[in-house]
Amino acid sequence: MPTLTKNPTLTDFQKYVRELEEERGFTKNTVLQTCLQLGEEMGELFKAVRKKEKMKVDATSDTMHLDEEMADVIIFLCSLANRYDIDLEQAFRTKEEHNKTRTWQ
């Protein structure tokens, strides 16, 4: 069973997701399947936000927890990054360096 360090970096999260996918048998999922699962989790996150903001939602829908849906999004994002050998931590740092040069209005 994979374990996550006490104060994980984004790289640690990616390693953890790689190991959990191996353990749970998800390594054969295609990129398309993983993208669709990420999209599904984003939808669940948005629905949880709607509930949190007291917007109308289907009364028969399952109760969704904002924190759990955010965690699911991170898991599938790490999974996609792993499939493309993208170091998310480095990508984040690189993108933020670019964003610092932009003008925000």
PDB file of N, CA and C in Angstrom:
ATOM      1  N   MET A   1       0.853  -1.177   0.000  1.00  0.00           N
ATOM      2  CA  MET A   1       0.000   0.000   0.000  1.00  0.00           C
ATOM      3  C   MET A   1       0.900   1.241   0.000  1.00  0.00           C
ATOM      4  N   PRO A   2       0.667   2.160  -0.940  1.00  0.00           N
ATOM      5  CA  PRO A   2       1.494   3.372  -0.983  1.00  0.00           C
ATOM      6  C   PRO A   2       1.253   4.254   0.235  1.00  0.00           C
ATOM      7  N   THR A   3       2.275   5.004   0.587  1.00  0.00           N
ATOM      8  CA  THR A   3       2.139   5.952   1.689  1.00  0.00           C
ATOM      9  C   THR A   3       2.587   7.328   1.202  1.00  0.00           C
ATOM     10  N   LEU A   4       2.008   8.324   1.786  1.00  0.00           N
ATOM     11  CA  LEU A   4       2.313   9.705   1.436  1.00  0.00           C
ATOM     12  C   LEU A   4       3.072  10.325   2.601  1.00  0.00           C
ATOM     13  N   THR A   5       4.157  11.018   2.302  1.00  0.00           N
ATOM     14  CA  THR A   5       4.955  11.638   3.347  1.00  0.00           C
ATOM     15  C   THR A   5       4.137  12.678   4.104  1.00  0.00           C
ATOM     16  N   LYS A   6       4.605  13.057   5.284  1.00  0.00           N
ATOM     17  CA  LYS A   6       3.860  13.985   6.137  1.00  0.00           C
ATOM     18  C   LYS A   6       3.654  15.352   5.492  1.00  0.00           C
ATOM     19  N   ASN A   7       4.662  15.925   4.905  1.00  0.00           N
ATOM     20  CA  ASN A   7       4.550  17.219   4.239  1.00  0.00           C
ATOM     21  C   ASN A   7       4.923  17.038   2.766  1.00  0.00           C
ATOM     22  N   PRO A   8       4.007  16.459   1.977  1.00  0.00           N
ATOM     23  CA  PRO A   8       4.354  16.077   0.608  1.00  0.00           C
ATOM     24  C   PRO A   8       4.512  17.270  -0.335  1.00  0.00           C
ATOM     25  N   THR A   9       5.398  17.084  -1.288  1.00  0.00           N
ATOM     26  CA  THR A   9       5.523  18.025  -2.397  1.00  0.00           C
ATOM     27  C   THR A   9       4.582  17.549  -3.487  1.00  0.00           C
ATOM     28  N   LEU A  10       4.432  18.339  -4.515  1.00  0.00           N
ATOM     29  CA  LEU A  10       3.618  17.913  -5.645  1.00  0.00           C
ATOM     30  C   LEU A  10       4.222  16.666  -6.292  1.00  0.00           C
ATOM     31  N   THR A  11       5.544  16.596  -6.312  1.00  0.00           N
ATOM     32  CA  THR A  11       6.235  15.414  -6.842  1.00  0.00           C
ATOM     33  C   THR A  11       5.884  14.183  -6.020  1.00  0.00           C
ATOM     34  N   ASP A  12       5.790  14.340  -4.702  1.00  0.00           N
ATOM     35  CA  ASP A  12       5.395  13.219  -3.832  1.00  0.00           C
ATOM     36  C   ASP A  12       3.978  12.753  -4.155  1.00  0.00           C
ATOM     37  N   PHE A  13       3.077  13.694  -4.410  1.00  0.00           N
ATOM     38  CA  PHE A  13       1.707  13.323  -4.783  1.00  0.00           C
ATOM     39  C   PHE A  13       1.708  12.508  -6.075  1.00  0.00           C
ATOM     40  N   GLN A  14       2.492  12.941  -7.059  1.00  0.00           N
ATOM     41  CA  GLN A  14       2.547  12.198  -8.319  1.00  0.00           C
ATOM     42  C   GLN A  14       3.064  10.782  -8.109  1.00  0.00           C
ATOM     43  N   LYS A  15       4.099  10.645  -7.302  1.00  0.00           N
ATOM     44  CA  LYS A  15       4.654   9.320  -7.018  1.00  0.00           C
ATOM     45  C   LYS A  15       3.604   8.456  -6.322  1.00  0.00           C
ATOM     46  N   TYR A  16       2.904   9.030  -5.358  1.00  0.00           N
ATOM     47  CA  TYR A  16       1.860   8.309  -4.635  1.00  0.00           C
ATOM     48  C   TYR A  16       0.764   7.834  -5.596  1.00  0.00           C
ATOM     49  N   VAL A  17       0.320   8.707  -6.483  1.00  0.00           N
ATOM     50  CA  VAL A  17      -0.735   8.345  -7.433  1.00  0.00           C
ATOM     51  C   VAL A  17      -0.253   7.239  -8.364  1.00  0.00           C
ATOM     52  N   ARG A  18       0.989   7.311  -8.807  1.00  0.00           N
ATOM     53  CA  ARG A  18       1.550   6.265  -9.661  1.00  0.00           C
ATOM     54  C   ARG A  18       1.479   4.912  -8.945  1.00  0.00           C
ATOM     55  N   GLU A  19       1.862   4.905  -7.681  1.00  0.00           N
ATOM     56  CA  GLU A  19       1.857   3.668  -6.904  1.00  0.00           C
ATOM     57  C   GLU A  19       0.436   3.162  -6.630  1.00  0.00           C
ATOM     58  N   LEU A  20      -0.481   4.078  -6.334  1.00  0.00           N
ATOM     59  CA  LEU A  20      -1.849   3.627  -6.051  1.00  0.00           C
ATOM     60  C   LEU A  20      -2.517   3.097  -7.309  1.00  0.00           C
ATOM     61  N   GLU A  21      -2.204   3.673  -8.469  1.00  0.00           N
ATOM     62  CA  GLU A  21      -2.780   3.149  -9.707  1.00  0.00           C
ATOM     63  C   GLU A  21      -2.260   1.744  -9.999  1.00  0.00           C
ATOM     64  N   GLU A  22      -0.995   1.510  -9.706  1.00  0.00           N
ATOM     65  CA  GLU A  22      -0.443   0.166  -9.877  1.00  0.00           C
ATOM     66  C   GLU A  22      -1.133  -0.809  -8.926  1.00  0.00           C
ATOM     67  N   GLU A  23      -1.260  -0.413  -7.677  1.00  0.00           N
ATOM     68  CA  GLU A  23      -1.877  -1.275  -6.670  1.00  0.00           C
ATOM     69  C   GLU A  23      -3.345  -1.580  -6.987  1.00  0.00           C
ATOM     70  N   ARG A  24      -4.069  -0.586  -7.483  1.00  0.00           N
ATOM     71  CA  ARG A  24      -5.513  -0.742  -7.711  1.00  0.00           C
ATOM     72  C   ARG A  24      -5.859  -1.193  -9.128  1.00  0.00           C
ATOM     73  N   GLY A  25      -4.848  -1.381  -9.964  1.00  0.00           N
ATOM     74  CA  GLY A  25      -5.085  -1.912 -11.304  1.00  0.00           C
ATOM     75  C   GLY A  25      -5.566  -0.898 -12.324  1.00  0.00           C
ATOM     76  N   PHE A  26      -5.198   0.374 -12.158  1.00  0.00           N
ATOM     77  CA  PHE A  26      -5.638   1.409 -13.085  1.00  0.00           C
ATOM     78  C   PHE A  26      -4.587   1.773 -14.138  1.00  0.00           C
ATOM     79  N   THR A  27      -3.476   1.069 -14.173  1.00  0.00           N
ATOM     80  CA  THR A  27      -2.392   1.444 -15.092  1.00  0.00           C
ATOM     81  C   THR A  27      -2.752   1.215 -16.552  1.00  0.00           C
ATOM     82  N   LYS A  28      -3.755   0.397 -16.815  1.00  0.00           N
ATOM     83  CA  LYS A  28      -4.142   0.129 -18.201  1.00  0.00           C
ATOM     84  C   LYS A  28      -5.179   1.121 -18.724  1.00  0.00           C
ATOM     85  N   ASN A  29      -5.643   2.024 -17.861  1.00  0.00           N
ATOM     86  CA  ASN A  29      -6.570   3.055 -18.323  1.00  0.00           C
ATOM     87  C   ASN A  29      -5.873   3.914 -19.366  1.00  0.00           C
ATOM     88  N   THR A  30      -6.586   4.255 -20.402  1.00  0.00           N
ATOM     89  CA  THR A  30      -6.023   5.113 -21.440  1.00  0.00           C
ATOM     90  C   THR A  30      -6.037   6.562 -20.970  1.00  0.00           C
ATOM     91  N   VAL A  31      -5.314   7.398 -21.703  1.00  0.00           N
ATOM     92  CA  VAL A  31      -5.330   8.831 -21.410  1.00  0.00           C
ATOM     93  C   VAL A  31      -6.750   9.361 -21.548  1.00  0.00           C
ATOM     94  N   LEU A  32      -7.458   8.906 -22.567  1.00  0.00           N
ATOM     95  CA  LEU A  32      -8.841   9.356 -22.764  1.00  0.00           C
ATOM     96  C   LEU A  32      -9.707   8.983 -21.564  1.00  0.00           C
ATOM     97  N   GLN A  33      -9.575   7.762 -21.075  1.00  0.00           N
ATOM     98  CA  GLN A  33     -10.359   7.354 -19.902  1.00  0.00           C
ATOM     99  C   GLN A  33     -10.018   8.230 -18.697  1.00  0.00           C
ATOM    100  N   THR A  34      -8.741   8.501 -18.518  1.00  0.00           N
ATOM    101  CA  THR A  34      -8.318   9.322 -17.389  1.00  0.00           C
ATOM    102  C   THR A  34      -8.835  10.747 -17.528  1.00  0.00           C
ATOM    103  N   CYS A  35      -8.805  11.280 -18.746  1.00  0.00           N
ATOM    104  CA  CYS A  35      -9.350  12.627 -18.989  1.00  0.00           C
ATOM    105  C   CYS A  35     -10.845  12.671 -18.674  1.00  0.00           C
ATOM    106  N   LEU A  36     -11.564  11.657 -19.098  1.00  0.00           N
ATOM    107  CA  LEU A  36     -12.996  11.617 -18.833  1.00  0.00           C
ATOM    108  C   LEU A  36     -13.275  11.517 -17.333  1.00  0.00           C
ATOM    109  N   GLN A  37     -12.454  10.743 -16.624  1.00  0.00           N
ATOM    110  CA  GLN A  37     -12.626  10.642 -15.177  1.00  0.00           C
ATOM    111  C   GLN A  37     -12.318  11.981 -14.507  1.00  0.00           C
ATOM    112  N   LEU A  38     -11.301  12.674 -14.978  1.00  0.00           N
ATOM    113  CA  LEU A  38     -10.989  14.000 -14.439  1.00  0.00           C
ATOM    114  C   LEU A  38     -12.167  14.945 -14.678  1.00  0.00           C
ATOM    115  N   GLY A  39     -12.729  14.905 -15.885  1.00  0.00           N
ATOM    116  CA  GLY A  39     -13.884  15.744 -16.187  1.00  0.00           C
ATOM    117  C   GLY A  39     -15.073  15.434 -15.290  1.00  0.00           C
ATOM    118  N   GLU A  40     -15.284  14.154 -15.025  1.00  0.00           N
ATOM    119  CA  GLU A  40     -16.366  13.738 -14.143  1.00  0.00           C
ATOM    120  C   GLU A  40     -16.143  14.278 -12.726  1.00  0.00           C
ATOM    121  N   GLU A  41     -14.906  14.191 -12.263  1.00  0.00           N
ATOM    122  CA  GLU A  41     -14.592  14.704 -10.922  1.00  0.00           C
ATOM    123  C   GLU A  41     -14.732  16.219 -10.862  1.00  0.00           C
ATOM    124  N   MET A  42     -14.382  16.911 -11.947  1.00  0.00           N
ATOM    125  CA  MET A  42     -14.571  18.369 -11.990  1.00  0.00           C
ATOM    126  C   MET A  42     -16.050  18.695 -11.861  1.00  0.00           C
ATOM    127  N   GLY A  43     -16.887  17.937 -12.549  1.00  0.00           N
ATOM    128  CA  GLY A  43     -18.331  18.141 -12.444  1.00  0.00           C
ATOM    129  C   GLY A  43     -18.818  17.946 -11.016  1.00  0.00           C
ATOM    130  N   GLU A  44     -18.298  16.920 -10.347  1.00  0.00           N
ATOM    131  CA  GLU A  44     -18.680  16.675  -8.959  1.00  0.00           C
ATOM    132  C   GLU A  44     -18.183  17.796  -8.051  1.00  0.00           C
ATOM    133  N   LEU A  45     -17.005  18.313  -8.339  1.00  0.00           N
ATOM    134  CA  LEU A  45     -16.488  19.454  -7.578  1.00  0.00           C
ATOM    135  C   LEU A  45     -17.401  20.661  -7.765  1.00  0.00           C
ATOM    136  N   PHE A  46     -17.781  20.944  -9.001  1.00  0.00           N
ATOM    137  CA  PHE A  46     -18.650  22.089  -9.269  1.00  0.00           C
ATOM    138  C   PHE A  46     -20.002  21.928  -8.583  1.00  0.00           C
ATOM    139  N   LYS A  47     -20.514  20.710  -8.555  1.00  0.00           N
ATOM    140  CA  LYS A  47     -21.789  20.472  -7.885  1.00  0.00           C
ATOM    141  C   LYS A  47     -21.642  20.682  -6.377  1.00  0.00           C
ATOM    142  N   ALA A  48     -20.512  20.252  -5.822  1.00  0.00           N
ATOM    143  CA  ALA A  48     -20.266  20.459  -4.392  1.00  0.00           C
ATOM    144  C   ALA A  48     -20.175  21.952  -4.075  1.00  0.00           C
ATOM    145  N   VAL A  49     -19.568  22.725  -4.978  1.00  0.00           N
ATOM    146  CA  VAL A  49     -19.499  24.183  -4.789  1.00  0.00           C
ATOM    147  C   VAL A  49     -20.905  24.762  -4.836  1.00  0.00           C
ATOM    148  N   ARG A  50     -21.708  24.291  -5.791  1.00  0.00           N
ATOM    149  CA  ARG A  50     -23.089  24.777  -5.871  1.00  0.00           C
ATOM    150  C   ARG A  50     -23.827  24.517  -4.561  1.00  0.00           C
ATOM    151  N   LYS A  51     -23.676  23.324  -4.006  1.00  0.00           N
ATOM    152  CA  LYS A  51     -24.337  23.005  -2.738  1.00  0.00           C
ATOM    153  C   LYS A  51     -23.817  23.900  -1.623  1.00  0.00           C
ATOM    154  N   LYS A  52     -22.513  24.090  -1.573  1.00  0.00           N
ATOM    155  CA  LYS A  52     -21.894  24.923  -0.537  1.00  0.00           C
ATOM    156  C   LYS A  52     -22.387  26.365  -0.631  1.00  0.00           C
ATOM    157  N   GLU A  53     -22.626  26.837  -1.842  1.00  0.00           N
ATOM    158  CA  GLU A  53     -23.099  28.205  -2.075  1.00  0.00           C
ATOM    159  C   GLU A  53     -24.623  28.308  -2.011  1.00  0.00           C
ATOM    160  N   LYS A  54     -25.253  27.221  -1.592  1.00  0.00           N
ATOM    161  CA  LYS A  54     -26.712  27.173  -1.412  1.00  0.00           C
ATOM    162  C   LYS A  54     -27.477  27.410  -2.718  1.00  0.00           C
ATOM    163  N   MET A  55     -26.888  26.972  -3.825  1.00  0.00           N
ATOM    164  CA  MET A  55     -27.581  27.043  -5.109  1.00  0.00           C
ATOM    165  C   MET A  55     -28.467  25.806  -5.236  1.00  0.00           C
ATOM    166  N   LYS A  56     -29.475  25.892  -6.063  1.00  0.00           N
ATOM    167  CA  LYS A  56     -30.377  24.764  -6.246  1.00  0.00           C
ATOM    168  C   LYS A  56     -29.649  23.615  -6.947  1.00  0.00           C
ATOM    169  N   VAL A  57     -29.836  22.421  -6.384  1.00  0.00           N
ATOM    170  CA  VAL A  57     -29.316  21.187  -6.981  1.00  0.00           C
ATOM    171  C   VAL A  57     -30.376  20.114  -6.832  1.00  0.00           C
ATOM    172  N   ASP A  58     -30.218  19.055  -7.571  1.00  0.00           N
ATOM    173  CA  ASP A  58     -31.143  17.931  -7.528  1.00  0.00           C
ATOM    174  C   ASP A  58     -31.232  17.399  -6.097  1.00  0.00           C
ATOM    175  N   ALA A  59     -32.415  17.366  -5.560  1.00  0.00           N
ATOM    176  CA  ALA A  59     -32.606  16.940  -4.171  1.00  0.00           C
ATOM    177  C   ALA A  59     -32.235  15.479  -3.961  1.00  0.00           C
ATOM    178  N   THR A  60     -32.247  14.673  -5.009  1.00  0.00           N
ATOM    179  CA  THR A  60     -31.934  13.251  -4.869  1.00  0.00           C
ATOM    180  C   THR A  60     -30.456  12.948  -5.098  1.00  0.00           C
ATOM    181  N   SER A  61     -29.657  13.978  -5.406  1.00  0.00           N
ATOM    182  CA  SER A  61     -28.234  13.723  -5.670  1.00  0.00           C
ATOM    183  C   SER A  61     -27.496  13.391  -4.377  1.00  0.00           C
ATOM    184  N   ASP A  62     -26.438  12.623  -4.533  1.00  0.00           N
ATOM    185  CA  ASP A  62     -25.623  12.251  -3.380  1.00  0.00           C
ATOM    186  C   ASP A  62     -24.996  13.493  -2.766  1.00  0.00           C
ATOM    187  N   THR A  63     -24.808  13.441  -1.461  1.00  0.00           N
ATOM    188  CA  THR A  63     -24.109  14.523  -0.784  1.00  0.00           C
ATOM    189  C   THR A  63     -22.648  14.494  -1.211  1.00  0.00           C
ATOM    190  N   MET A  64     -22.149  15.633  -1.621  1.00  0.00           N
ATOM    191  CA  MET A  64     -20.769  15.712  -2.073  1.00  0.00           C
ATOM    192  C   MET A  64     -20.001  16.619  -1.130  1.00  0.00           C
ATOM    193  N   HIS A  65     -18.794  16.220  -0.832  1.00  0.00           N
ATOM    194  CA  HIS A  65     -17.945  16.974   0.078  1.00  0.00           C
ATOM    195  C   HIS A  65     -16.886  17.696  -0.739  1.00  0.00           C
ATOM    196  N   LEU A  66     -16.832  18.983  -0.570  1.00  0.00           N
ATOM    197  CA  LEU A  66     -15.923  19.839  -1.321  1.00  0.00           C
ATOM    198  C   LEU A  66     -14.475  19.349  -1.232  1.00  0.00           C
ATOM    199  N   ASP A  67     -14.021  19.035  -0.035  1.00  0.00           N
ATOM    200  CA  ASP A  67     -12.629  18.611   0.135  1.00  0.00           C
ATOM    201  C   ASP A  67     -12.330  17.299  -0.582  1.00  0.00           C
ATOM    202  N   GLU A  68     -13.254  16.354  -0.537  1.00  0.00           N
ATOM    203  CA  GLU A  68     -13.040  15.069  -1.199  1.00  0.00           C
ATOM    204  C   GLU A  68     -13.033  15.220  -2.718  1.00  0.00           C
ATOM    205  N   GLU A  69     -13.898  16.078  -3.240  1.00  0.00           N
ATOM    206  CA  GLU A  69     -13.936  16.275  -4.689  1.00  0.00           C
ATOM    207  C   GLU A  69     -12.660  16.964  -5.170  1.00  0.00           C
ATOM    208  N   MET A  70     -12.143  17.917  -4.382  1.00  0.00           N
ATOM    209  CA  MET A  70     -10.873  18.556  -4.740  1.00  0.00           C
ATOM    210  C   MET A  70      -9.742  17.538  -4.749  1.00  0.00           C
ATOM    211  N   ALA A  71      -9.745  16.641  -3.768  1.00  0.00           N
ATOM    212  CA  ALA A  71      -8.721  15.594  -3.709  1.00  0.00           C
ATOM    213  C   ALA A  71      -8.811  14.685  -4.938  1.00  0.00           C
ATOM    214  N   ASP A  72     -10.026  14.327  -5.346  1.00  0.00           N
ATOM    215  CA  ASP A  72     -10.198  13.492  -6.543  1.00  0.00           C
ATOM    216  C   ASP A  72      -9.634  14.177  -7.779  1.00  0.00           C
ATOM    217  N   VAL A  73      -9.847  15.480  -7.896  1.00  0.00           N
ATOM    218  CA  VAL A  73      -9.316  16.235  -9.038  1.00  0.00           C
ATOM    219  C   VAL A  73      -7.792  16.167  -9.041  1.00  0.00           C
ATOM    220  N   ILE A  74      -7.178  16.335  -7.876  1.00  0.00           N
ATOM    221  CA  ILE A  74      -5.714  16.263  -7.785  1.00  0.00           C
ATOM    222  C   ILE A  74      -5.225  14.880  -8.199  1.00  0.00           C
ATOM    223  N   ILE A  75      -5.907  13.845  -7.748  1.00  0.00           N
ATOM    224  CA  ILE A  75      -5.498  12.477  -8.082  1.00  0.00           C
ATOM    225  C   ILE A  75      -5.492  12.276  -9.596  1.00  0.00           C
ATOM    226  N   PHE A  76      -6.568  12.668 -10.267  1.00  0.00           N
ATOM    227  CA  PHE A  76      -6.635  12.439 -11.710  1.00  0.00           C
ATOM    228  C   PHE A  76      -5.713  13.364 -12.480  1.00  0.00           C
ATOM    229  N   LEU A  77      -5.478  14.563 -11.978  1.00  0.00           N
ATOM    230  CA  LEU A  77      -4.518  15.462 -12.613  1.00  0.00           C
ATOM    231  C   LEU A  77      -3.108  14.872 -12.516  1.00  0.00           C
ATOM    232  N   CYS A  78      -2.754  14.345 -11.362  1.00  0.00           N
ATOM    233  CA  CYS A  78      -1.451  13.684 -11.201  1.00  0.00           C
ATOM    234  C   CYS A  78      -1.348  12.472 -12.120  1.00  0.00           C
ATOM    235  N   SER A  79      -2.419  11.741 -12.246  1.00  0.00           N
ATOM    236  CA  SER A  79      -2.428  10.575 -13.126  1.00  0.00           C
ATOM    237  C   SER A  79      -2.136  10.977 -14.575  1.00  0.00           C
ATOM    238  N   LEU A  80      -2.795  12.023 -15.029  1.00  0.00           N
ATOM    239  CA  LEU A  80      -2.547  12.504 -16.400  1.00  0.00           C
ATOM    240  C   LEU A  80      -1.113  12.976 -16.573  1.00  0.00           C
ATOM    241  N   ALA A  81      -0.617  13.719 -15.612  1.00  0.00           N
ATOM    242  CA  ALA A  81       0.764  14.197 -15.689  1.00  0.00           C
ATOM    243  C   ALA A  81       1.724  13.011 -15.741  1.00  0.00           C
ATOM    244  N   ASN A  82       1.467  11.991 -14.963  1.00  0.00           N
ATOM    245  CA  ASN A  82       2.321  10.802 -14.975  1.00  0.00           C
ATOM    246  C   ASN A  82       2.325  10.131 -16.341  1.00  0.00           C
ATOM    247  N   ARG A  83       1.176  10.064 -16.979  1.00  0.00           N
ATOM    248  CA  ARG A  83       1.088   9.398 -18.280  1.00  0.00           C
ATOM    249  C   ARG A  83       1.884  10.137 -19.358  1.00  0.00           C
ATOM    250  N   TYR A  84       2.043  11.440 -19.170  1.00  0.00           N
ATOM    251  CA  TYR A  84       2.810  12.239 -20.128  1.00  0.00           C
ATOM    252  C   TYR A  84       4.207  12.605 -19.611  1.00  0.00           C
ATOM    253  N   ASP A  85       4.616  11.985 -18.512  1.00  0.00           N
ATOM    254  CA  ASP A  85       5.925  12.261 -17.910  1.00  0.00           C
ATOM    255  C   ASP A  85       6.142  13.747 -17.660  1.00  0.00           C
ATOM    256  N   ILE A  86       5.114  14.392 -17.140  1.00  0.00           N
ATOM    257  CA  ILE A  86       5.193  15.814 -16.794  1.00  0.00           C
ATOM    258  C   ILE A  86       5.413  15.928 -15.296  1.00  0.00           C
ATOM    259  N   ASP A  87       6.434  16.650 -14.921  1.00  0.00           N
ATOM    260  CA  ASP A  87       6.696  16.952 -13.517  1.00  0.00           C
ATOM    261  C   ASP A  87       5.836  18.167 -13.171  1.00  0.00           C
ATOM    262  N   LEU A  88       4.715  17.929 -12.495  1.00  0.00           N
ATOM    263  CA  LEU A  88       3.770  19.010 -12.200  1.00  0.00           C
ATOM    264  C   LEU A  88       4.388  20.113 -11.355  1.00  0.00           C
ATOM    265  N   GLU A  89       5.248  19.734 -10.436  1.00  0.00           N
ATOM    266  CA  GLU A  89       5.867  20.746  -9.582  1.00  0.00           C
ATOM    267  C   GLU A  89       6.719  21.699 -10.433  1.00  0.00           C
ATOM    268  N   GLN A  90       7.502  21.135 -11.335  1.00  0.00           N
ATOM    269  CA  GLN A  90       8.332  21.972 -12.204  1.00  0.00           C
ATOM    270  C   GLN A  90       7.456  22.770 -13.178  1.00  0.00           C
ATOM    271  N   ALA A  91       6.417  22.143 -13.701  1.00  0.00           N
ATOM    272  CA  ALA A  91       5.506  22.839 -14.615  1.00  0.00           C
ATOM    273  C   ALA A  91       4.849  24.021 -13.910  1.00  0.00           C
ATOM    274  N   PHE A  92       4.458  23.823 -12.652  1.00  0.00           N
ATOM    275  CA  PHE A  92       3.849  24.892 -11.863  1.00  0.00           C
ATOM    276  C   PHE A  92       4.825  26.052 -11.694  1.00  0.00           C
ATOM    277  N   ARG A  93       6.056  25.724 -11.320  1.00  0.00           N
ATOM    278  CA  ARG A  93       7.057  26.765 -11.105  1.00  0.00           C
ATOM    279  C   ARG A  93       7.346  27.532 -12.401  1.00  0.00           C
ATOM    280  N   THR A  94       7.475  26.807 -13.491  1.00  0.00           N
ATOM    281  CA  THR A  94       7.748  27.439 -14.784  1.00  0.00           C
ATOM    282  C   THR A  94       6.595  28.353 -15.197  1.00  0.00           C
ATOM    283  N   LYS A  95       5.382  27.865 -15.043  1.00  0.00           N
ATOM    284  CA  LYS A  95       4.207  28.655 -15.415  1.00  0.00           C
ATOM    285  C   LYS A  95       4.098  29.907 -14.546  1.00  0.00           C
ATOM    286  N   GLU A  96       4.386  29.779 -13.259  1.00  0.00           N
ATOM    287  CA  GLU A  96       4.305  30.942 -12.381  1.00  0.00           C
ATOM    288  C   GLU A  96       5.365  31.980 -12.719  1.00  0.00           C
ATOM    289  N   GLU A  97       6.525  31.552 -13.132  1.00  0.00           N
ATOM    290  CA  GLU A  97       7.548  32.513 -13.568  1.00  0.00           C
ATOM    291  C   GLU A  97       7.047  33.288 -14.781  1.00  0.00           C
ATOM    292  N   HIS A  98       6.365  32.599 -15.685  1.00  0.00           N
ATOM    293  CA  HIS A  98       5.768  33.269 -16.849  1.00  0.00           C
ATOM    294  C   HIS A  98       4.653  34.218 -16.399  1.00  0.00           C
ATOM    295  N   ASN A  99       3.806  33.746 -15.477  1.00  0.00           N
ATOM    296  CA  ASN A  99       2.677  34.566 -15.016  1.00  0.00           C
ATOM    297  C   ASN A  99       3.152  35.847 -14.325  1.00  0.00           C
ATOM    298  N   LYS A 100       4.303  35.803 -13.680  1.00  0.00           N
ATOM    299  CA  LYS A 100       4.829  36.987 -13.003  1.00  0.00           C
ATOM    300  C   LYS A 100       5.172  38.116 -13.991  1.00  0.00           C
ATOM    301  N   THR A 101       5.363  37.763 -15.250  1.00  0.00           N
ATOM    302  CA  THR A 101       5.701  38.775 -16.251  1.00  0.00           C
ATOM    303  C   THR A 101       4.458  39.351 -16.928  1.00  0.00           C
ATOM    304  N   ARG A 102       3.307  38.803 -16.623  1.00  0.00           N
ATOM    305  CA  ARG A 102       2.066  39.233 -17.261  1.00  0.00           C
ATOM    306  C   ARG A 102       1.467  40.422 -16.514  1.00  0.00           C
ATOM    307  N   THR A 103       0.652  41.181 -17.207  1.00  0.00           N
ATOM    308  CA  THR A 103      -0.060  42.302 -16.601  1.00  0.00           C
ATOM    309  C   THR A 103      -1.501  41.869 -16.347  1.00  0.00           C
ATOM    310  N   TRP A 104      -1.931  42.053 -15.114  1.00  0.00           N
ATOM    311  CA  TRP A 104      -3.282  41.637 -14.728  1.00  0.00           C
ATOM    312  C   TRP A 104      -4.139  42.891 -14.509  1.00  0.00           C
ATOM    313  N   GLN A 105      -5.305  42.925 -15.118  1.00  0.00           N
ATOM    314  CA  GLN A 105      -6.208  44.084 -14.994  1.00  0.00           C
ATOM    315  C   GLN A 105      -7.472  43.697 -14.271  1.00  0.00           C
TER     316      GLN A 105
END
